[in-house]
Protein backbone atom coordinates (compact mmCIF):
# COMPACT_ATOMS: atom_id res chain seq x y z
CA MET A 1 0.00 0.00 0.00
CA GLN A 2 1.08 3.60 -0.61
CA GLU A 3 2.93 5.65 1.99
CA LEU A 4 0.36 7.71 3.88
CA THR A 5 0.60 11.18 5.39
CA TRP A 6 -0.56 11.79 8.97
CA TRP A 7 -3.97 13.07 7.92
CA GLN A 8 -4.58 10.01 5.77
CA HIS A 9 -3.86 7.34 8.38
CA GLY A 10 -5.00 9.43 11.34
CA ILE A 11 -8.20 9.74 13.34
CA VAL A 12 -9.41 13.30 13.96
CA TYR A 13 -11.09 14.03 17.31
CA GLU A 14 -13.38 17.05 17.34
CA ILE A 15 -13.34 19.05 20.57
CA TYR A 16 -16.15 21.51 21.15
CA SER A 17 -13.88 23.92 22.99
CA ARG A 18 -16.49 25.23 25.45
CA SER A 19 -17.38 21.74 26.62
CA PHE A 20 -14.22 19.66 27.00
CA GLN A 21 -12.55 20.86 30.22
CA ASP A 22 -12.73 24.05 32.27
CA SER A 23 -9.56 25.07 34.10
CA ASN A 24 -10.57 28.38 35.74
CA CYS A 25 -13.94 27.60 37.36
CA ASP A 26 -16.09 29.75 35.07
CA GLY A 27 -18.06 26.77 33.74
CA VAL A 28 -16.71 27.08 30.18
CA GLY A 29 -14.05 24.85 28.66
CA ASP A 30 -10.74 26.47 27.72
CA LEU A 31 -7.28 25.88 26.27
CA ASN A 32 -5.63 25.03 29.56
CA GLY A 33 -8.40 22.54 30.19
CA ILE A 34 -7.69 20.82 26.87
CA LEU A 35 -4.01 20.75 27.83
CA GLN A 36 -4.89 18.91 31.05
CA ARG A 37 -6.62 16.16 29.06
CA LEU A 38 -4.13 15.55 26.24
CA ASP A 39 -2.83 12.33 27.77
CA TYR A 40 -6.38 10.94 27.72
CA LEU A 41 -6.45 11.53 23.95
CA VAL A 42 -3.06 9.87 23.51
CA GLN A 43 -4.34 6.83 25.40
CA LEU A 44 -7.47 6.78 23.27
CA GLY A 45 -5.26 6.54 20.20
CA VAL A 46 -6.41 9.49 18.08
CA HIS A 47 -3.92 11.41 15.95
CA ALA A 48 -5.26 14.95 15.70
CA ILE A 49 -7.56 17.31 17.56
CA TRP A 50 -9.87 19.75 15.81
CA LEU A 51 -10.88 22.71 17.96
CA SER A 52 -14.13 24.60 17.44
CA PRO A 53 -13.47 28.36 17.11
CA ILE A 54 -11.35 29.95 19.85
CA TYR A 55 -11.01 33.43 18.29
CA PRO A 56 -12.24 36.63 19.95
CA SER A 57 -16.01 36.74 19.55
CA PRO A 58 -19.15 38.31 21.03
CA MET A 59 -20.39 34.69 21.14
CA ALA A 60 -23.68 35.35 19.36
CA ASP A 61 -23.07 31.93 17.77
CA PHE A 62 -20.43 30.71 20.23
CA GLY A 63 -17.32 31.54 18.25
CA TYR A 64 -18.69 31.20 14.74
CA ASP A 65 -19.04 35.00 14.78
CA VAL A 66 -15.37 36.02 14.66
CA ALA A 67 -14.29 39.52 15.69
CA ASP A 68 -10.54 38.93 15.24
CA TYR A 69 -9.14 36.04 13.22
CA SER A 70 -5.65 36.35 14.69
CA GLY A 71 -6.37 36.26 18.41
CA ILE A 72 -7.71 34.12 21.25
CA ASP A 73 -10.93 34.94 23.08
CA PRO A 74 -10.28 35.54 26.81
CA VAL A 75 -12.91 32.92 27.69
CA PHE A 76 -10.51 30.33 26.24
CA GLY A 77 -7.26 31.91 27.44
CA THR A 78 -4.40 33.78 25.83
CA MET A 79 -2.12 33.38 22.85
CA GLU A 80 0.53 32.19 25.29
CA ASN A 81 -1.87 29.46 26.43
CA PHE A 82 -2.48 28.54 22.80
CA ASP A 83 1.22 28.32 21.96
CA ARG A 84 1.81 26.11 24.98
CA LEU A 85 -1.08 23.84 24.05
CA LEU A 86 0.15 23.55 20.47
CA ALA A 87 3.67 22.71 21.66
CA GLU A 88 2.35 20.02 24.01
CA VAL A 89 0.11 18.61 21.27
CA HIS A 90 3.14 18.23 19.02
CA ARG A 91 5.35 16.89 21.82
CA ARG A 92 2.88 14.03 22.22
CA GLY A 93 2.96 13.25 18.51
CA LEU A 94 -0.49 14.71 17.88
CA LYS A 95 -1.63 17.34 15.36
CA MET A 96 -3.91 20.34 15.75
CA ILE A 97 -6.58 21.49 13.29
CA LEU A 98 -8.32 24.85 13.75
CA ASP A 99 -11.84 25.76 12.72
CA PHE A 100 -11.65 28.49 10.05
CA VAL A 101 -14.82 30.54 9.58
CA PRO A 102 -14.47 32.33 6.21
CA ASN A 103 -18.07 32.83 5.09
CA HIS A 104 -18.90 35.56 7.61
CA THR A 105 -17.48 37.62 10.44
CA SER A 106 -18.99 39.09 13.57
CA ASP A 107 -20.79 42.39 13.14
CA GLN A 108 -18.26 43.61 15.71
CA HIS A 109 -15.26 42.79 13.51
CA PRO A 110 -13.33 45.98 12.62
CA TRP A 111 -13.84 45.17 8.95
CA PHE A 112 -17.61 45.27 9.26
CA LEU A 113 -17.60 48.29 11.56
CA ALA A 114 -15.72 50.11 8.83
CA SER A 115 -17.94 48.69 6.09
CA ARG A 116 -21.14 49.90 7.72
CA SER A 117 -19.72 53.27 8.71
CA SER A 118 -20.21 54.77 5.24
CA ARG A 119 -21.03 53.78 1.69
CA GLU A 120 -17.74 55.39 0.71
CA ASP A 121 -15.59 53.44 3.16
CA PRO A 122 -12.86 51.36 1.44
CA LYS A 123 -14.20 48.23 3.14
CA ARG A 124 -17.80 48.78 2.01
CA ASP A 125 -17.38 46.15 -0.70
CA TRP A 126 -15.91 43.62 1.75
CA TYR A 127 -19.50 42.60 2.54
CA LEU A 128 -22.70 42.10 0.54
CA TRP A 129 -24.79 45.31 0.44
CA ARG A 130 -27.93 45.91 -1.60
CA ASP A 131 -30.57 48.62 -1.98
CA GLU A 132 -33.32 46.00 -2.09
CA PRO A 133 -33.33 42.49 -0.60
CA ASN A 134 -33.98 39.37 -2.62
CA ASN A 135 -35.56 36.18 -1.21
CA TRP A 136 -32.39 34.60 0.17
CA PRO A 137 -33.12 33.33 3.69
CA SER A 138 -31.06 33.00 6.81
CA ASN A 139 -30.24 29.44 7.82
CA PHE A 140 -31.36 30.43 11.32
CA GLY A 141 -34.83 31.54 10.17
CA GLY A 142 -36.33 34.58 8.50
CA SER A 143 -34.83 36.80 5.83
CA GLY A 144 -31.10 36.82 5.28
CA TRP A 145 -31.15 40.59 4.75
CA GLU A 146 -30.80 43.17 7.52
CA TRP A 147 -31.52 46.88 7.12
CA ASP A 148 -28.77 49.29 8.14
CA GLU A 149 -30.40 52.58 9.10
CA LYS A 150 -27.24 54.67 8.94
CA THR A 151 -26.25 53.85 5.36
CA LYS A 152 -29.77 53.01 4.07
CA GLN A 153 -28.90 49.62 2.58
CA TYR A 154 -29.36 45.95 3.44
CA TYR A 155 -26.51 43.54 4.17
CA TYR A 156 -26.71 39.78 3.75
CA HIS A 157 -26.18 37.23 6.53
CA SER A 158 -26.44 33.49 5.87
CA PHE A 159 -26.91 32.95 9.59
CA LEU A 160 -27.53 35.51 12.36
CA LYS A 161 -27.77 39.22 11.62
CA GLU A 162 -24.70 39.45 13.87
CA GLN A 163 -22.83 37.36 11.25
CA PRO A 164 -22.58 39.41 8.04
CA ASP A 165 -21.30 37.50 5.00
CA LEU A 166 -17.99 38.48 3.46
CA ASN A 167 -17.73 39.29 -0.25
CA TRP A 168 -15.25 36.70 -1.47
CA ARG A 169 -15.37 38.17 -4.98
CA ASN A 170 -13.34 41.08 -3.60
CA PRO A 171 -9.57 40.41 -4.04
CA ALA A 172 -8.81 42.40 -0.90
CA VAL A 173 -10.96 40.03 1.16
CA ARG A 174 -9.12 37.06 -0.28
CA ARG A 175 -5.71 38.54 0.49
CA ALA A 176 -6.71 39.38 4.05
CA MET A 177 -8.21 35.96 4.75
CA PHE A 178 -5.34 34.06 3.15
CA ASP A 179 -2.99 36.02 5.38
CA VAL A 180 -5.03 34.75 8.34
CA LEU A 181 -4.35 31.18 7.20
CA ARG A 182 -0.64 31.92 6.91
CA PHE A 183 -0.61 33.51 10.39
CA TRP A 184 -1.75 30.26 12.00
CA LEU A 185 0.23 27.98 9.69
CA ARG A 186 3.44 29.83 10.56
CA ARG A 187 2.52 29.41 14.20
CA GLY A 188 2.55 25.65 13.62
CA VAL A 189 -1.10 24.71 13.17
CA ASP A 190 -1.43 21.54 11.10
CA GLY A 191 -4.52 22.42 9.09
CA PHE A 192 -8.02 23.81 8.99
CA ARG A 193 -11.59 22.63 8.96
CA VAL A 194 -13.33 25.24 6.80
CA ASP A 195 -16.81 26.16 8.03
CA VAL A 196 -19.65 26.08 5.43
CA MET A 197 -17.22 25.87 2.53
CA TRP A 198 -20.01 25.47 -0.03
CA LEU A 199 -21.64 28.79 0.94
CA MET A 200 -18.67 31.12 0.46
CA ILE A 201 -19.55 32.53 -2.97
CA LYS A 202 -22.97 33.94 -3.91
CA ASP A 203 -24.52 34.74 -7.26
CA ASP A 204 -23.04 37.96 -8.64
CA GLU A 205 -26.46 39.01 -10.00
CA PHE A 206 -28.25 38.37 -6.66
CA ARG A 207 -31.04 36.47 -8.41
CA ASP A 208 -33.99 35.20 -6.35
CA ASN A 209 -33.89 31.55 -5.42
CA PRO A 210 -36.66 29.41 -6.95
CA LEU A 211 -39.48 28.39 -4.64
CA ASN A 212 -39.29 24.88 -3.24
CA PRO A 213 -42.31 23.00 -4.64
CA GLY A 214 -41.94 20.35 -1.94
CA TYR A 215 -42.05 22.73 1.02
CA ARG A 216 -44.72 22.20 3.65
CA PRO A 217 -45.25 24.33 6.74
CA GLY A 218 -43.40 22.97 9.74
CA PRO A 219 -39.80 22.43 8.61
CA PRO A 220 -37.22 25.23 8.98
CA SER A 221 -38.33 28.35 7.15
CA ASN A 222 -35.19 28.51 5.00
CA ASN A 223 -36.49 25.41 3.17
CA ARG A 224 -39.17 27.55 1.48
CA VAL A 225 -36.73 28.21 -1.37
CA LEU A 226 -34.14 26.09 -3.14
CA PRO A 227 -30.61 27.41 -2.40
CA VAL A 228 -29.58 27.76 -6.04
CA TYR A 229 -28.04 31.24 -5.99
CA ASN A 230 -26.67 31.59 -2.45
CA SER A 231 -24.80 28.27 -2.18
CA ASN A 232 -22.59 25.89 -4.15
CA ARG A 233 -21.91 28.40 -6.92
CA PRO A 234 -19.49 27.25 -9.66
CA GLU A 235 -16.97 29.94 -8.72
CA VAL A 236 -16.47 28.43 -5.27
CA HIS A 237 -14.11 25.81 -6.66
CA GLU A 238 -11.56 28.36 -7.83
CA LEU A 239 -11.70 29.89 -4.36
CA VAL A 240 -11.17 26.53 -2.65
CA ALA A 241 -8.23 25.82 -4.96
CA SER A 242 -6.69 29.17 -4.00
CA MET A 243 -7.17 28.35 -0.33
CA ARG A 244 -5.55 24.96 -0.87
CA ALA A 245 -2.58 26.63 -2.59
CA VAL A 246 -1.99 28.69 0.56
CA VAL A 247 -2.08 25.57 2.74
CA ASP A 248 0.31 23.82 0.34
CA GLU A 249 2.91 26.53 0.95
CA PHE A 250 3.54 24.63 4.20
CA HIS A 251 4.67 21.03 4.66
CA GLU A 252 2.04 18.31 5.24
CA ARG A 253 -0.88 20.52 6.24
CA VAL A 254 -4.50 19.59 5.60
CA LEU A 255 -7.57 21.42 4.30
CA ILE A 256 -10.94 19.94 5.30
CA GLY A 257 -14.24 21.32 4.02
CA GLU A 258 -17.61 21.30 5.76
CA ILE A 259 -20.01 20.57 2.90
CA TYR A 260 -23.59 19.33 3.13
CA LEU A 261 -24.33 18.32 -0.46
CA PRO A 262 -25.32 15.17 -2.38
CA VAL A 263 -22.45 12.80 -3.16
CA GLU A 264 -21.97 13.84 -6.80
CA GLN A 265 -21.66 17.50 -5.85
CA LEU A 266 -19.55 16.74 -2.78
CA MET A 267 -16.93 15.05 -4.95
CA THR A 268 -16.36 18.22 -6.97
CA TYR A 269 -14.77 19.78 -3.88
CA TYR A 270 -11.73 17.54 -4.28
CA GLY A 271 -11.04 19.92 -7.16
CA THR A 272 -9.51 19.65 -10.58
CA ASP A 273 -6.44 17.39 -10.35
CA LEU A 274 -7.26 16.96 -6.63
CA LYS A 275 -6.20 20.56 -5.93
CA GLY A 276 -9.29 21.41 -3.90
CA ALA A 277 -9.97 20.30 -0.34
CA HIS A 278 -7.90 17.35 0.81
CA LEU A 279 -11.00 16.06 2.60
CA PRO A 280 -14.50 17.30 1.72
CA PHE A 281 -16.30 16.08 4.84
CA ASN A 282 -18.46 13.01 4.20
CA PHE A 283 -21.59 13.23 6.37
CA LEU A 284 -23.49 10.29 4.84
CA LEU A 285 -23.52 8.31 8.11
CA LEU A 286 -25.23 11.27 9.79
CA GLN A 287 -27.99 11.40 7.19
CA THR A 288 -28.78 7.75 6.44
CA ALA A 289 -31.27 5.40 8.07
CA TRP A 290 -29.67 2.87 10.40
CA SER A 291 -30.24 -0.22 8.32
CA ALA A 292 -27.83 -2.64 6.71
CA GLU A 293 -29.24 -2.08 3.25
CA ALA A 294 -29.23 1.72 3.44
CA ILE A 295 -25.69 1.93 4.78
CA ALA A 296 -24.38 -0.62 2.28
CA GLN A 297 -25.84 1.53 -0.48
CA ILE A 298 -24.25 4.80 0.68
CA ILE A 299 -20.86 3.15 1.25
CA SER A 300 -20.97 1.74 -2.29
CA GLU A 301 -22.13 5.01 -3.82
CA TYR A 302 -19.48 7.01 -2.02
CA ASP A 303 -16.70 4.55 -2.87
CA SER A 304 -17.73 4.49 -6.54
CA ALA A 305 -17.99 8.28 -6.79
CA LEU A 306 -14.52 9.06 -5.43
CA PRO A 307 -12.30 10.67 -8.09
CA THR A 308 -9.20 8.68 -8.98
CA GLY A 309 -6.60 9.24 -6.27
CA ALA A 310 -8.98 11.03 -3.88
CA TRP A 311 -8.72 10.01 -0.24
CA PRO A 312 -11.97 8.97 1.48
CA ASN A 313 -13.21 10.10 4.87
CA TRP A 314 -16.08 9.26 7.21
CA VAL A 315 -17.76 11.15 10.06
CA LEU A 316 -19.99 9.62 12.72
CA GLY A 317 -20.88 12.74 14.74
CA ASN A 318 -20.28 16.46 15.12
CA HIS A 319 -21.44 19.57 16.97
CA ASP A 320 -24.40 20.17 14.63
CA ASN A 321 -26.03 16.74 14.68
CA THR A 322 -27.78 14.44 17.12
CA ARG A 323 -25.35 12.14 18.92
CA ILE A 324 -25.15 8.64 17.48
CA ALA A 325 -26.14 6.93 20.76
CA THR A 326 -29.32 9.02 20.83
CA ARG A 327 -30.11 8.23 17.21
CA ILE A 328 -29.69 4.46 17.36
CA GLY A 329 -29.43 3.48 21.05
CA SER A 330 -26.54 2.50 23.28
CA ARG A 331 -26.18 -1.10 22.04
CA GLN A 332 -26.06 -0.11 18.39
CA ALA A 333 -23.64 2.71 19.26
CA ARG A 334 -21.07 -0.02 19.94
CA THR A 335 -21.71 -1.46 16.49
CA ALA A 336 -21.43 2.04 15.02
CA ALA A 337 -17.97 2.35 16.58
CA MET A 338 -16.88 -0.82 14.75
CA LEU A 339 -18.42 0.49 11.54
CA LEU A 340 -16.56 3.79 11.69
CA LEU A 341 -13.24 2.25 12.67
CA THR A 342 -13.26 -0.33 9.87
CA LEU A 343 -14.11 2.09 7.05
CA PRO A 344 -11.33 3.32 4.73
CA GLY A 345 -9.59 6.66 4.87
CA THR A 346 -9.58 9.44 7.44
CA LEU A 347 -12.07 9.18 10.29
CA THR A 348 -13.52 11.94 12.45
CA MET A 349 -14.87 11.32 15.95
CA TYR A 350 -16.82 13.76 18.10
CA TYR A 351 -15.84 14.15 21.74
CA GLY A 352 -17.80 11.86 24.04
CA GLU A 353 -18.76 9.33 21.36
CA GLU A 354 -16.27 6.99 22.98
CA LEU A 355 -18.33 7.25 26.19
CA GLY A 356 -21.67 6.64 24.52
CA MET A 357 -22.78 10.19 25.39
CA THR A 358 -26.36 11.00 24.43
CA ASN A 359 -28.17 14.24 23.73
CA VAL A 360 -29.11 16.10 26.91
CA PRO A 361 -32.58 17.69 27.14
CA ILE A 362 -32.15 21.43 27.66
CA PRO A 363 -34.77 23.27 29.75
CA PRO A 364 -36.06 26.42 28.00
CA ASP A 365 -34.36 28.72 30.50
CA ASP A 366 -30.99 27.08 29.78
CA VAL A 367 -31.12 27.21 25.98
CA GLN A 368 -28.03 28.86 24.50
CA ASP A 369 -28.15 28.02 20.79
CA PRO A 370 -29.54 30.80 18.56
CA ALA A 371 -30.92 28.20 16.14
CA GLU A 372 -33.35 27.07 18.85
CA LYS A 373 -34.04 30.58 20.11
CA ASN A 374 -34.94 31.87 16.64
CA GLU A 375 -37.24 28.99 15.71
CA PRO A 376 -38.18 27.29 18.99
CA GLY A 377 -39.87 23.93 19.10
CA LEU A 378 -38.68 22.68 15.69
CA GLY A 379 -35.86 20.62 17.12
CA LEU A 380 -33.17 22.79 15.51
CA GLY A 381 -31.25 23.46 18.71
CA ARG A 382 -27.74 22.03 18.91
CA ASP A 383 -27.18 22.48 22.64
CA PRO A 384 -28.17 18.84 23.41
CA GLU A 385 -25.11 17.47 21.56
CA ARG A 386 -22.74 20.14 22.93
CA THR A 387 -22.98 19.46 26.67
CA PRO A 388 -19.89 19.15 28.91
CA MET A 389 -17.64 16.10 28.79
CA PRO A 390 -18.19 13.97 31.92
CA TRP A 391 -14.85 12.98 33.41
CA ASP A 392 -16.05 11.51 36.69
CA GLY A 393 -19.11 11.17 38.92
CA SER A 394 -18.49 14.25 41.07
CA ALA A 395 -20.90 17.18 41.34
CA SER A 396 -19.89 18.81 38.05
CA ALA A 397 -18.53 15.66 36.40
CA GLY A 398 -14.92 16.77 36.75
CA PHE A 399 -15.55 19.28 33.97
CA THR A 400 -15.58 22.36 36.21
CA SER A 401 -15.74 23.41 39.82
CA GLY A 402 -18.19 26.12 38.77
CA ARG A 403 -21.62 25.94 37.12
CA PRO A 404 -21.39 24.25 33.69
CA TRP A 405 -22.45 26.51 30.82
CA LEU A 406 -24.87 23.78 29.69
CA PRO A 407 -26.52 21.12 31.86
CA LEU A 408 -24.85 17.76 32.36
CA GLY A 409 -26.51 14.59 31.21
CA GLY A 410 -28.76 12.91 33.76
CA ASP A 411 -26.63 9.74 33.50
CA TYR A 412 -23.24 11.41 34.01
CA GLU A 413 -22.63 9.63 37.34
CA SER A 414 -22.35 6.33 35.45
CA VAL A 415 -21.47 7.53 31.93
CA ASN A 416 -18.13 9.20 32.56
CA VAL A 417 -14.48 8.48 31.84
CA ALA A 418 -13.57 7.31 35.35
CA ALA A 419 -16.48 4.87 35.60
CA LEU A 420 -15.99 3.46 32.10
CA GLU A 421 -12.26 3.01 32.75
CA LYS A 422 -13.16 0.53 35.50
CA ASP A 423 -15.45 -1.50 33.25
CA GLY A 424 -13.28 -3.59 30.95
CA THR A 425 -16.17 -4.18 28.54
CA SER A 426 -17.30 -0.52 28.30
CA ILE A 427 -17.68 1.38 25.05
CA LEU A 428 -14.57 3.40 25.99
CA HIS A 429 -12.46 0.24 26.04
CA LEU A 430 -14.18 -0.84 22.85
CA TYR A 431 -13.09 2.35 21.05
CA ARG A 432 -9.53 1.95 22.31
CA LYS A 433 -9.48 -1.65 21.17
CA PHE A 434 -10.76 -0.90 17.66
CA ILE A 435 -8.45 2.10 17.26
CA ASP A 436 -5.48 -0.04 18.30
CA LEU A 437 -6.52 -2.73 15.81
CA ARG A 438 -6.71 -0.10 13.09
CA HIS A 439 -3.15 0.98 13.93
CA ARG A 440 -1.91 -2.61 13.75
CA ARG A 441 -3.75 -3.60 10.58
CA PRO A 442 -3.15 -1.00 7.85
CA THR A 443 -5.59 -2.82 5.58
CA LEU A 444 -8.37 -1.27 7.68
CA ILE A 445 -7.09 2.17 6.65
CA GLY A 446 -6.03 1.84 3.04
CA GLY A 447 -7.23 -1.55 1.89
CA ARG A 448 -9.87 -1.97 -0.78
CA MET A 449 -13.59 -2.18 0.05
CA LEU A 450 -15.14 -5.29 -1.47
CA SER A 451 -18.42 -7.21 -1.37
CA ILE A 452 -20.41 -4.48 0.39
CA ARG A 453 -23.96 -5.57 1.04
CA GLY A 454 -26.84 -5.73 3.48
CA ASP A 455 -27.80 -9.31 4.24
CA GLY A 456 -30.73 -10.05 6.56
CA GLY A 457 -30.13 -7.01 8.74
CA VAL A 458 -26.35 -7.54 8.72
CA LEU A 459 -24.01 -5.09 7.01
CA ARG A 460 -21.01 -6.98 5.69
CA TYR A 461 -17.95 -5.99 3.70
CA GLU A 462 -14.40 -7.13 3.13
CA ARG A 463 -11.26 -5.03 3.52
CA ARG A 464 -8.49 -6.43 1.32
CA GLY A 465 -4.83 -5.53 1.52
CA ASP A 466 -1.72 -6.85 -0.20
CA GLU A 467 -1.35 -9.73 2.23
CA ASP A 468 -4.58 -10.02 4.22
CA ARG A 469 -8.35 -10.15 3.95
CA ILE A 470 -10.56 -8.86 6.76
CA LEU A 471 -14.31 -9.49 6.93
CA VAL A 472 -16.53 -7.08 8.86
CA LEU A 473 -19.99 -8.21 10.01
CA LEU A 474 -22.30 -5.70 11.69
CA ASN A 475 -25.70 -6.82 12.94
CA LEU A 476 -27.80 -3.66 12.76
CA SER A 477 -30.96 -5.54 13.68
CA GLY A 478 -32.48 -6.43 17.02
CA ASP A 479 -32.37 -10.19 16.40
CA SER A 480 -29.62 -12.79 16.46
CA VAL A 481 -28.55 -13.86 12.96
CA ARG A 482 -26.58 -16.79 11.55
CA MET A 483 -24.17 -15.84 8.77
CA THR A 484 -22.20 -17.92 6.29
CA VAL A 485 -18.49 -17.07 6.39
CA GLU A 486 -15.17 -18.39 5.17
CA SER A 487 -12.74 -19.83 7.68
CA GLY A 488 -10.79 -17.40 9.78
CA THR A 489 -10.04 -15.97 13.22
CA ILE A 490 -12.11 -13.42 15.10
CA LEU A 491 -9.93 -10.35 15.66
CA ALA A 492 -12.51 -8.44 17.66
CA SER A 493 -16.19 -8.33 18.52
CA THR A 494 -18.36 -5.77 20.23
CA GLU A 495 -19.06 -8.35 22.95
CA PHE A 496 -15.41 -8.77 24.09
CA ASP A 497 -15.89 -12.53 24.57
CA ARG A 498 -14.99 -14.01 21.19
CA ASP A 499 -11.57 -12.65 20.32
CA GLY A 500 -9.26 -15.33 18.96
CA GLN A 501 -12.03 -17.84 18.25
CA GLN A 502 -11.87 -19.79 15.00
CA VAL A 503 -14.82 -19.67 12.60
CA ASN A 504 -15.54 -21.89 9.64
CA GLY A 505 -18.72 -21.95 7.59
CA VAL A 506 -21.25 -20.35 9.94
CA VAL A 507 -21.09 -17.76 12.69
CA GLU A 508 -23.92 -16.53 14.90
CA LEU A 509 -24.19 -12.80 15.64
CA LYS A 510 -26.14 -11.63 18.65
CA ALA A 511 -28.50 -8.67 18.27
CA ALA A 512 -26.47 -5.47 17.65
CA GLU A 513 -23.20 -7.43 17.62
CA GLY A 514 -20.31 -6.58 15.35
CA MET A 515 -17.41 -8.83 14.45
CA ILE A 516 -14.08 -8.44 12.63
CA ILE A 517 -12.67 -11.67 11.16
CA ASP A 518 -9.18 -12.25 9.80
CA LEU A 519 -9.91 -14.56 6.86
CA ASP A 520 -7.56 -17.40 6.09
CA SER A 521 -5.59 -16.84 2.91
């Protein structure tokens, strides 16, 4: 198999910075808190951490409204704290990926303050201003256009009105933002996850979006129109290629794109001659029904659609989607871990998945997320999947000695790192076991995917390398199933009680059991 770079063989671990570990008793996670927990991540076996935004921000959208791209918000610490964290990350052989938010700034960013100060200001054209609004919506509900009384024009915001969109058609904006990338790359950051990459360029004629003929009252209001002219514009690919060129000025750095699009369109973000994003995030596992047939189909479609030479990636959870254990239940969450860790390419985990964390119900008075506040009751709030990491069973779960910024899960006294450490069959030990197996068997990273199919509620596929063949069986049903298999040795199962057993002809899978078999050659 080919020689792989760190981001190809590695596992990325997303840390929602506010929720991982608080070090100063204010109830909000911070950089020094992450530093305190690095050895836990080394023991887990991941290769890189991705931090949600830590830049100075009014926190209208908890860091995704950036007021200074080259600083650290005091809630997270100082630049000195950041440099120390980065050094300790690298000392442990890990990598660090930052969240880059290029589509919009905070309305408190000096660029926007200048832009809205006068129609004649040199930075006026750094944002999207119009005399009359079109029908482009905000992704957080309502119109995407906000009236500015002082200058008598509207500006566009894809999200909150406190998050005005940048005009990426302006060369000055590009130069300034590319310099931001270089600032962090020179500091030693190993790459970027680019927020809403597919939204960065808008139609230069500001045409109305067509109405969505399938819209029915009830879903989010932005679904009333089809996002033809304010997302996924053809010109975005030249912009992504330019961004990639900046990253390529530095050795072995990675560019990851957040992109929610159908598979065919997603693949275009690898770029011409693979000069786009190294990894356009693949969210298919977040969007597909939990059935053997459905998942077999999306794995096959994704594998077939990859451009020649493109490196695959898979994501099981993130800060914008319901936690996997809530979606499919705690037993199937163990099977999901085996699924993720036997798929090819680069994998991304979300903090707490290895504990089986579930979504936490948030009382109305504790809601923080603007998506829920703007359109309450539609289930759009993301607070439930962003709650603090439970480290132990103490009063505040070892996360803080203050009041956590979001409520802890009701099960934190049993679902926490310390408790799961003591249980040798816990999902935490399961993740460590599968990650270690992935390290030891490179075929699970770069081997071919063969014979993918759903069979009686069981998802099965073979990973084939130069010298080995590995069969993966995942029972996604609630019943025990007998499966026909070739002879081989069980490398791992989700039940912990079958490792090393020989199989030949037939194997029985318990409900929600997964199994990895080293097939005889």
